[in-house]
Amino acid sequence: MKMINAKGNVCSDPVARIKAETDRGEMELEVLLDNPVSASNVMRFLESNGFGVQLKDDEGTITISARKGEELPKAAAFKTQPADPANEAQTHPKPQAAPPSPEPLSESSGTFSVLITSPALGRDLELGEALMKSFLAALPQMERLPLAVALVNEGVKLALYDSSSCDHLKSLEKKGVAILICGTSVNYFNIMDQIGAGSISNIFEITETLNKGGRIMTL
């Protein structure tokens, strides 16, 4: 079994280290982490690559055991976070529940991806927010859908529960479009518990997914 100590690493670093091991043919892994967002990203990466995954959260030390092609007992939820509410979401944010299973992508999907870095389209904030909402409302109606929509920096605010664009992102999800939310950005703005659409992701996964889409539309 390959042991990987990824405590103190955030964003894409743990996933990149694990990918390097799986690319070398490693079939059994044990990963130590101390960040629920990183742990969620690692679990999703391993499960998407055919690993059975089990999680143990021991007072802030998260251990993920994984075996290729083997079903392991489902992991328990992350334990209660540190008592200091001012730092809770920033240091140990709650993992986001998995979104509903989307419809399969049609043959017309996936020729491009969308990268959104701001909640507004253009420099004028009021006009830009209205334009971005209209863009996201129109996107699910298109015959050719994107492979993914990635939200980074202030763009993650479009996925907030009370955002007027959240429902449009959910519509894209239901049509099979991956909605990837940058976990580093979410932590920076301290809004983890306010995300209402998409999956918390990392720059490694976002970059890999955008690359699969071929052309990238950046807003």
C-alpha atoms as a PDB file:
ATOM      1  CA  MET A   1       0.000   0.000   0.000  1.00  0.00           C
ATOM      2  CA  LYS A   2       1.306   3.457  -0.953  1.00  0.00           C
ATOM      3  CA  MET A   3       1.123   5.996   1.893  1.00  0.00           C
ATOM      4  CA  ILE A   4       0.707   9.682   0.976  1.00  0.00           C
ATOM      5  CA  ASN A   5       0.852  12.393   3.633  1.00  0.00           C
ATOM      6  CA  ALA A   6      -0.921  15.372   2.076  1.00  0.00           C
ATOM      7  CA  LYS A   7      -1.656  17.205   5.328  1.00  0.00           C
ATOM      8  CA  GLY A   8      -1.143  20.926   4.913  1.00  0.00           C
ATOM      9  CA  ASN A   9      -1.661  20.702   1.146  1.00  0.00           C
ATOM     10  CA  VAL A  10      -4.688  22.395  -0.403  1.00  0.00           C
ATOM     11  CA  CYS A  11      -6.386  22.839  -3.761  1.00  0.00           C
ATOM     12  CA  SER A  12      -4.954  20.570  -6.475  1.00  0.00           C
ATOM     13  CA  ASP A  13      -1.759  19.392  -4.750  1.00  0.00           C
ATOM     14  CA  PRO A  14      -3.170  16.211  -3.134  1.00  0.00           C
ATOM     15  CA  VAL A  15      -4.982  15.179  -6.329  1.00  0.00           C
ATOM     16  CA  ALA A  16      -1.845  15.783  -8.410  1.00  0.00           C
ATOM     17  CA  ARG A  17       0.243  13.624  -6.068  1.00  0.00           C
ATOM     18  CA  ILE A  18      -2.313  10.822  -6.141  1.00  0.00           C
ATOM     19  CA  LYS A  19      -2.617  10.991  -9.932  1.00  0.00           C
ATOM     20  CA  ALA A  20       1.146  10.574 -10.209  1.00  0.00           C
ATOM     21  CA  GLU A  21       0.911   7.356  -8.175  1.00  0.00           C
ATOM     22  CA  THR A  22      -2.084   5.946 -10.066  1.00  0.00           C
ATOM     23  CA  ASP A  23      -0.374   6.750 -13.367  1.00  0.00           C
ATOM     24  CA  ARG A  24       2.526   4.596 -12.156  1.00  0.00           C
ATOM     25  CA  GLY A  25       0.070   1.759 -11.612  1.00  0.00           C
ATOM     26  CA  GLU A  26      -0.426   1.985  -7.851  1.00  0.00           C
ATOM     27  CA  MET A  27      -3.514  -0.082  -6.933  1.00  0.00           C
ATOM     28  CA  GLU A  28      -3.805   0.585  -3.197  1.00  0.00           C
ATOM     29  CA  LEU A  29      -3.421   3.938  -1.447  1.00  0.00           C
ATOM     30  CA  GLU A  30      -3.759   5.482   1.977  1.00  0.00           C
ATOM     31  CA  VAL A  31      -3.904   9.282   2.024  1.00  0.00           C
ATOM     32  CA  LEU A  32      -3.674  11.575   5.060  1.00  0.00           C
ATOM     33  CA  LEU A  33      -5.290  15.027   4.831  1.00  0.00           C
ATOM     34  CA  ASP A  34      -6.489  17.764   7.157  1.00  0.00           C
ATOM     35  CA  ASN A  35      -8.842  19.665   4.854  1.00  0.00           C
ATOM     36  CA  PRO A  36     -12.376  18.405   4.015  1.00  0.00           C
ATOM     37  CA  VAL A  37     -12.396  20.159   0.628  1.00  0.00           C
ATOM     38  CA  SER A  38      -9.156  18.443  -0.377  1.00  0.00           C
ATOM     39  CA  ALA A  39     -10.530  15.144   0.959  1.00  0.00           C
ATOM     40  CA  SER A  40     -13.704  15.501  -1.110  1.00  0.00           C
ATOM     41  CA  ASN A  41     -11.645  16.243  -4.231  1.00  0.00           C
ATOM     42  CA  VAL A  42      -9.401  13.226  -3.594  1.00  0.00           C
ATOM     43  CA  MET A  43     -12.383  10.913  -3.084  1.00  0.00           C
ATOM     44  CA  ARG A  44     -14.062  12.085  -6.281  1.00  0.00           C
ATOM     45  CA  PHE A  45     -10.849  11.657  -8.271  1.00  0.00           C
ATOM     46  CA  LEU A  46     -10.258   8.136  -6.971  1.00  0.00           C
ATOM     47  CA  GLU A  47     -13.866   7.021  -7.439  1.00  0.00           C
ATOM     48  CA  SER A  48     -13.908   8.384 -11.001  1.00  0.00           C
ATOM     49  CA  ASN A  49     -10.820   6.273 -11.714  1.00  0.00           C
ATOM     50  CA  GLY A  50     -12.272   3.000 -10.476  1.00  0.00           C
ATOM     51  CA  PHE A  51     -11.112   2.948  -6.861  1.00  0.00           C
ATOM     52  CA  GLY A  52     -13.220   1.874  -3.918  1.00  0.00           C
ATOM     53  CA  VAL A  53     -12.835   4.526  -1.228  1.00  0.00           C
ATOM     54  CA  GLN A  54     -13.250   4.605   2.538  1.00  0.00           C
ATOM     55  CA  LEU A  55     -12.869   7.694   4.750  1.00  0.00           C
ATOM     56  CA  LYS A  56     -12.011   8.033   8.433  1.00  0.00           C
ATOM     57  CA  ASP A  57     -12.035  11.410  10.184  1.00  0.00           C
ATOM     58  CA  ASP A  58     -10.151  11.296  13.482  1.00  0.00           C
ATOM     59  CA  GLU A  59     -10.380  14.723  15.104  1.00  0.00           C
ATOM     60  CA  GLY A  60      -9.112  16.669  12.103  1.00  0.00           C
ATOM     61  CA  THR A  61      -6.863  14.017  10.551  1.00  0.00           C
ATOM     62  CA  ILE A  62      -8.690  12.585   7.556  1.00  0.00           C
ATOM     63  CA  THR A  63      -7.548   9.187   6.293  1.00  0.00           C
ATOM     64  CA  ILE A  64      -8.681   7.956   2.888  1.00  0.00           C
ATOM     65  CA  SER A  65      -8.101   4.292   2.023  1.00  0.00           C
ATOM     66  CA  ALA A  66      -8.534   3.270  -1.613  1.00  0.00           C
ATOM     67  CA  ARG A  67      -8.231   0.064  -3.612  1.00  0.00           C
ATOM     68  CA  LYS A  68      -8.512  -0.242  -7.378  1.00  0.00           C
ATOM     69  CA  GLY A  69     -11.583  -2.142  -8.535  1.00  0.00           C
ATOM     70  CA  GLU A  70     -12.761  -3.005  -5.028  1.00  0.00           C
ATOM     71  CA  GLU A  71     -15.908  -1.788  -3.298  1.00  0.00           C
ATOM     72  CA  LEU A  72     -15.164  -0.555   0.225  1.00  0.00           C
ATOM     73  CA  PRO A  73     -17.664   0.297   3.008  1.00  0.00           C
ATOM     74  CA  LYS A  74     -19.036   3.789   2.580  1.00  0.00           C
ATOM     75  CA  ALA A  75     -17.300   6.447   4.641  1.00  0.00           C
ATOM     76  CA  ALA A  76     -18.946   8.261   7.509  1.00  0.00           C
ATOM     77  CA  ALA A  77     -19.535  12.004   7.272  1.00  0.00           C
ATOM     78  CA  PHE A  78     -16.850  14.430   8.372  1.00  0.00           C
ATOM     79  CA  LYS A  79     -16.880  15.068  12.111  1.00  0.00           C
ATOM     80  CA  THR A  80     -17.945  18.271  13.812  1.00  0.00           C
ATOM     81  CA  GLN A  81     -15.591  21.105  12.960  1.00  0.00           C
ATOM     82  CA  PRO A  82     -13.532  23.229  15.402  1.00  0.00           C
ATOM     83  CA  ALA A  83     -15.483  25.240  17.926  1.00  0.00           C
ATOM     84  CA  ASP A  84     -14.378  28.686  16.763  1.00  0.00           C
ATOM     85  CA  PRO A  85     -17.221  29.764  14.410  1.00  0.00           C
ATOM     86  CA  ALA A  86     -15.197  32.694  13.058  1.00  0.00           C
ATOM     87  CA  ASN A  87     -12.620  30.320  11.548  1.00  0.00           C
ATOM     88  CA  GLU A  88     -14.731  27.242  10.958  1.00  0.00           C
ATOM     89  CA  ALA A  89     -15.619  27.688   7.281  1.00  0.00           C
ATOM     90  CA  GLN A  90     -12.169  28.984   6.344  1.00  0.00           C
ATOM     91  CA  THR A  91     -10.081  26.277   8.008  1.00  0.00           C
ATOM     92  CA  HIS A  92     -12.370  23.251   7.817  1.00  0.00           C
ATOM     93  CA  PRO A  93     -15.316  23.945   5.489  1.00  0.00           C
ATOM     94  CA  LYS A  94     -18.099  21.414   5.250  1.00  0.00           C
ATOM     95  CA  PRO A  95     -17.957  19.121   2.211  1.00  0.00           C
ATOM     96  CA  GLN A  96     -20.695  19.756  -0.296  1.00  0.00           C
ATOM     97  CA  ALA A  97     -23.262  17.086  -0.982  1.00  0.00           C
ATOM     98  CA  ALA A  98     -23.033  15.435  -4.367  1.00  0.00           C
ATOM     99  CA  PRO A  99     -25.350  16.994  -6.970  1.00  0.00           C
ATOM    100  CA  PRO A 100     -28.173  14.967  -8.524  1.00  0.00           C
ATOM    101  CA  SER A 101     -27.099  12.578 -11.268  1.00  0.00           C
ATOM    102  CA  PRO A 102     -27.229  14.521 -14.552  1.00  0.00           C
ATOM    103  CA  GLU A 103     -28.709  13.350 -17.797  1.00  0.00           C
ATOM    104  CA  PRO A 104     -26.160  11.792 -20.186  1.00  0.00           C
ATOM    105  CA  LEU A 105     -24.393  14.278 -22.428  1.00  0.00           C
ATOM    106  CA  SER A 106     -25.785  14.388 -25.940  1.00  0.00           C
ATOM    107  CA  GLU A 107     -23.616  14.102 -29.039  1.00  0.00           C
ATOM    108  CA  SER A 108     -23.912  17.854 -29.467  1.00  0.00           C
ATOM    109  CA  SER A 109     -22.271  18.496 -26.093  1.00  0.00           C
ATOM    110  CA  GLY A 110     -18.678  18.928 -25.066  1.00  0.00           C
ATOM    111  CA  THR A 111     -17.020  20.781 -27.944  1.00  0.00           C
ATOM    112  CA  PHE A 112     -16.201  23.710 -25.655  1.00  0.00           C
ATOM    113  CA  SER A 113     -16.098  24.729 -22.009  1.00  0.00           C
ATOM    114  CA  VAL A 114     -16.835  27.976 -20.190  1.00  0.00           C
ATOM    115  CA  LEU A 115     -14.536  29.578 -17.606  1.00  0.00           C
ATOM    116  CA  ILE A 116     -16.198  32.311 -15.525  1.00  0.00           C
ATOM    117  CA  THR A 117     -14.042  34.519 -13.290  1.00  0.00           C
ATOM    118  CA  SER A 118     -16.550  37.229 -12.351  1.00  0.00           C
ATOM    119  CA  PRO A 119     -20.250  37.494 -11.479  1.00  0.00           C
ATOM    120  CA  ALA A 120     -20.568  40.315 -14.036  1.00  0.00           C
ATOM    121  CA  LEU A 121     -20.062  40.346 -17.786  1.00  0.00           C
ATOM    122  CA  GLY A 122     -18.133  43.511 -18.626  1.00  0.00           C
ATOM    123  CA  ARG A 123     -16.996  46.479 -16.538  1.00  0.00           C
ATOM    124  CA  ASP A 124     -20.299  48.031 -15.542  1.00  0.00           C
ATOM    125  CA  LEU A 125     -21.358  46.011 -12.495  1.00  0.00           C
ATOM    126  CA  GLU A 126     -25.128  46.498 -12.668  1.00  0.00           C
ATOM    127  CA  LEU A 127     -25.323  45.939 -16.404  1.00  0.00           C
ATOM    128  CA  GLY A 128     -22.729  43.175 -16.227  1.00  0.00           C
ATOM    129  CA  GLU A 129     -24.673  41.174 -13.653  1.00  0.00           C
ATOM    130  CA  ALA A 130     -27.806  41.377 -15.797  1.00  0.00           C
ATOM    131  CA  LEU A 131     -25.857  40.270 -18.870  1.00  0.00           C
ATOM    132  CA  MET A 132     -24.272  37.344 -17.029  1.00  0.00           C
ATOM    133  CA  LYS A 133     -27.669  36.202 -15.781  1.00  0.00           C
ATOM    134  CA  SER A 134     -29.039  36.371 -19.335  1.00  0.00           C
ATOM    135  CA  PHE A 135     -26.036  34.453 -20.672  1.00  0.00           C
ATOM    136  CA  LEU A 136     -26.460  31.648 -18.136  1.00  0.00           C
ATOM    137  CA  ALA A 137     -30.217  31.572 -18.788  1.00  0.00           C
ATOM    138  CA  ALA A 138     -29.608  31.161 -22.519  1.00  0.00           C
ATOM    139  CA  LEU A 139     -26.858  28.549 -22.245  1.00  0.00           C
ATOM    140  CA  PRO A 140     -29.111  25.592 -21.244  1.00  0.00           C
ATOM    141  CA  GLN A 141     -31.341  26.389 -24.233  1.00  0.00           C
ATOM    142  CA  MET A 142     -28.533  25.979 -26.747  1.00  0.00           C
ATOM    143  CA  GLU A 143     -28.489  22.932 -29.017  1.00  0.00           C
ATOM    144  CA  ARG A 144     -24.752  22.526 -28.397  1.00  0.00           C
ATOM    145  CA  LEU A 145     -24.003  22.496 -24.688  1.00  0.00           C
ATOM    146  CA  PRO A 146     -20.599  22.970 -23.071  1.00  0.00           C
ATOM    147  CA  LEU A 147     -18.765  20.072 -21.499  1.00  0.00           C
ATOM    148  CA  ALA A 148     -18.264  22.119 -18.327  1.00  0.00           C
ATOM    149  CA  VAL A 149     -18.764  25.496 -16.720  1.00  0.00           C
ATOM    150  CA  ALA A 150     -15.965  26.331 -14.267  1.00  0.00           C
ATOM    151  CA  LEU A 151     -16.381  29.120 -11.706  1.00  0.00           C
ATOM    152  CA  VAL A 152     -13.234  30.645 -10.186  1.00  0.00           C
ATOM    153  CA  ASN A 153     -12.376  33.800  -8.237  1.00  0.00           C
ATOM    154  CA  GLU A 154     -15.524  35.949  -7.800  1.00  0.00           C
ATOM    155  CA  GLY A 155     -17.292  33.814 -10.396  1.00  0.00           C
ATOM    156  CA  VAL A 156     -18.039  31.293  -7.631  1.00  0.00           C
ATOM    157  CA  LYS A 157     -20.613  33.755  -6.254  1.00  0.00           C
ATOM    158  CA  LEU A 158     -22.880  32.860  -9.173  1.00  0.00           C
ATOM    159  CA  ALA A 159     -23.459  29.494  -7.471  1.00  0.00           C
ATOM    160  CA  LEU A 160     -24.735  30.961  -4.192  1.00  0.00           C
ATOM    161  CA  TYR A 161     -28.186  29.812  -3.079  1.00  0.00           C
ATOM    162  CA  ASP A 162     -29.551  33.354  -3.262  1.00  0.00           C
ATOM    163  CA  SER A 163     -27.910  34.190  -6.593  1.00  0.00           C
ATOM    164  CA  SER A 164     -30.308  34.796  -9.462  1.00  0.00           C
ATOM    165  CA  SER A 165     -28.033  32.603 -11.605  1.00  0.00           C
ATOM    166  CA  CYS A 166     -28.074  29.536  -9.341  1.00  0.00           C
ATOM    167  CA  ASP A 167     -31.146  27.996 -10.990  1.00  0.00           C
ATOM    168  CA  HIS A 168     -29.586  28.387 -14.438  1.00  0.00           C
ATOM    169  CA  LEU A 169     -26.502  26.505 -13.251  1.00  0.00           C
ATOM    170  CA  LYS A 170     -28.768  23.759 -11.886  1.00  0.00           C
ATOM    171  CA  SER A 171     -30.475  23.544 -15.282  1.00  0.00           C
ATOM    172  CA  LEU A 172     -27.101  23.007 -16.925  1.00  0.00           C
ATOM    173  CA  GLU A 173     -26.273  20.292 -14.381  1.00  0.00           C
ATOM    174  CA  LYS A 174     -29.504  18.453 -15.173  1.00  0.00           C
ATOM    175  CA  LYS A 175     -28.535  18.487 -18.849  1.00  0.00           C
ATOM    176  CA  GLY A 176     -25.211  16.814 -18.076  1.00  0.00           C
ATOM    177  CA  VAL A 177     -22.929  19.851 -17.944  1.00  0.00           C
ATOM    178  CA  ALA A 178     -20.297  19.672 -15.196  1.00  0.00           C
ATOM    179  CA  ILE A 179     -20.440  22.739 -12.932  1.00  0.00           C
ATOM    180  CA  LEU A 180     -17.053  22.992 -11.207  1.00  0.00           C
ATOM    181  CA  ILE A 181     -16.645  25.405  -8.283  1.00  0.00           C
ATOM    182  CA  CYS A 182     -13.108  26.397  -7.276  1.00  0.00           C
ATOM    183  CA  GLY A 183     -12.688  25.353  -3.631  1.00  0.00           C
ATOM    184  CA  THR A 184      -9.829  27.782  -3.039  1.00  0.00           C
ATOM    185  CA  SER A 185     -12.015  30.692  -4.148  1.00  0.00           C
ATOM    186  CA  VAL A 186     -14.950  29.481  -2.045  1.00  0.00           C
ATOM    187  CA  ASN A 187     -12.705  29.267   1.027  1.00  0.00           C
ATOM    188  CA  TYR A 188     -11.250  32.709   0.332  1.00  0.00           C
ATOM    189  CA  PHE A 189     -14.712  34.305   0.310  1.00  0.00           C
ATOM    190  CA  ASN A 190     -15.855  32.105   3.228  1.00  0.00           C
ATOM    191  CA  ILE A 191     -19.038  30.995   1.430  1.00  0.00           C
ATOM    192  CA  MET A 192     -18.779  27.193   1.516  1.00  0.00           C
ATOM    193  CA  ASP A 193     -22.117  26.731   3.284  1.00  0.00           C
ATOM    194  CA  GLN A 194     -23.863  29.052   0.809  1.00  0.00           C
ATOM    195  CA  ILE A 195     -23.061  27.157  -2.406  1.00  0.00           C
ATOM    196  CA  GLY A 196     -26.274  25.920  -4.021  1.00  0.00           C
ATOM    197  CA  ALA A 197     -25.141  24.366  -7.317  1.00  0.00           C
ATOM    198  CA  GLY A 198     -22.232  22.490  -8.787  1.00  0.00           C
ATOM    199  CA  SER A 199     -19.424  20.472  -7.247  1.00  0.00           C
ATOM    200  CA  ILE A 200     -16.550  21.851  -5.187  1.00  0.00           C
ATOM    201  CA  SER A 201     -13.433  21.239  -7.256  1.00  0.00           C
ATOM    202  CA  ASN A 202      -9.792  22.280  -7.569  1.00  0.00           C
ATOM    203  CA  ILE A 203      -7.601  23.915 -10.185  1.00  0.00           C
ATOM    204  CA  PHE A 204      -6.109  20.583 -11.254  1.00  0.00           C
ATOM    205  CA  GLU A 205      -9.512  19.061 -12.046  1.00  0.00           C
ATOM    206  CA  ILE A 206     -10.801  22.307 -13.552  1.00  0.00           C
ATOM    207  CA  THR A 207      -7.788  22.579 -15.872  1.00  0.00           C
ATOM    208  CA  GLU A 208      -8.049  18.934 -16.898  1.00  0.00           C
ATOM    209  CA  THR A 209     -11.789  19.207 -17.597  1.00  0.00           C
ATOM    210  CA  LEU A 210     -11.496  22.463 -19.532  1.00  0.00           C
ATOM    211  CA  ASN A 211      -8.786  20.897 -21.667  1.00  0.00           C
ATOM    212  CA  LYS A 212     -11.107  18.027 -22.575  1.00  0.00           C
ATOM    213  CA  GLY A 213     -13.620  20.518 -23.933  1.00  0.00           C
ATOM    214  CA  GLY A 214     -11.232  21.803 -26.589  1.00  0.00           C
ATOM    215  CA  ARG A 215     -12.190  25.446 -26.986  1.00  0.00           C
ATOM    216  CA  ILE A 216     -12.508  27.554 -23.823  1.00  0.00           C
ATOM    217  CA  MET A 217     -14.857  30.524 -23.567  1.00  0.00           C
ATOM    218  CA  THR A 218     -13.576  32.851 -20.832  1.00  0.00           C
ATOM    219  CA  LEU A 219     -15.876  35.418 -19.195  1.00  0.00           C
END
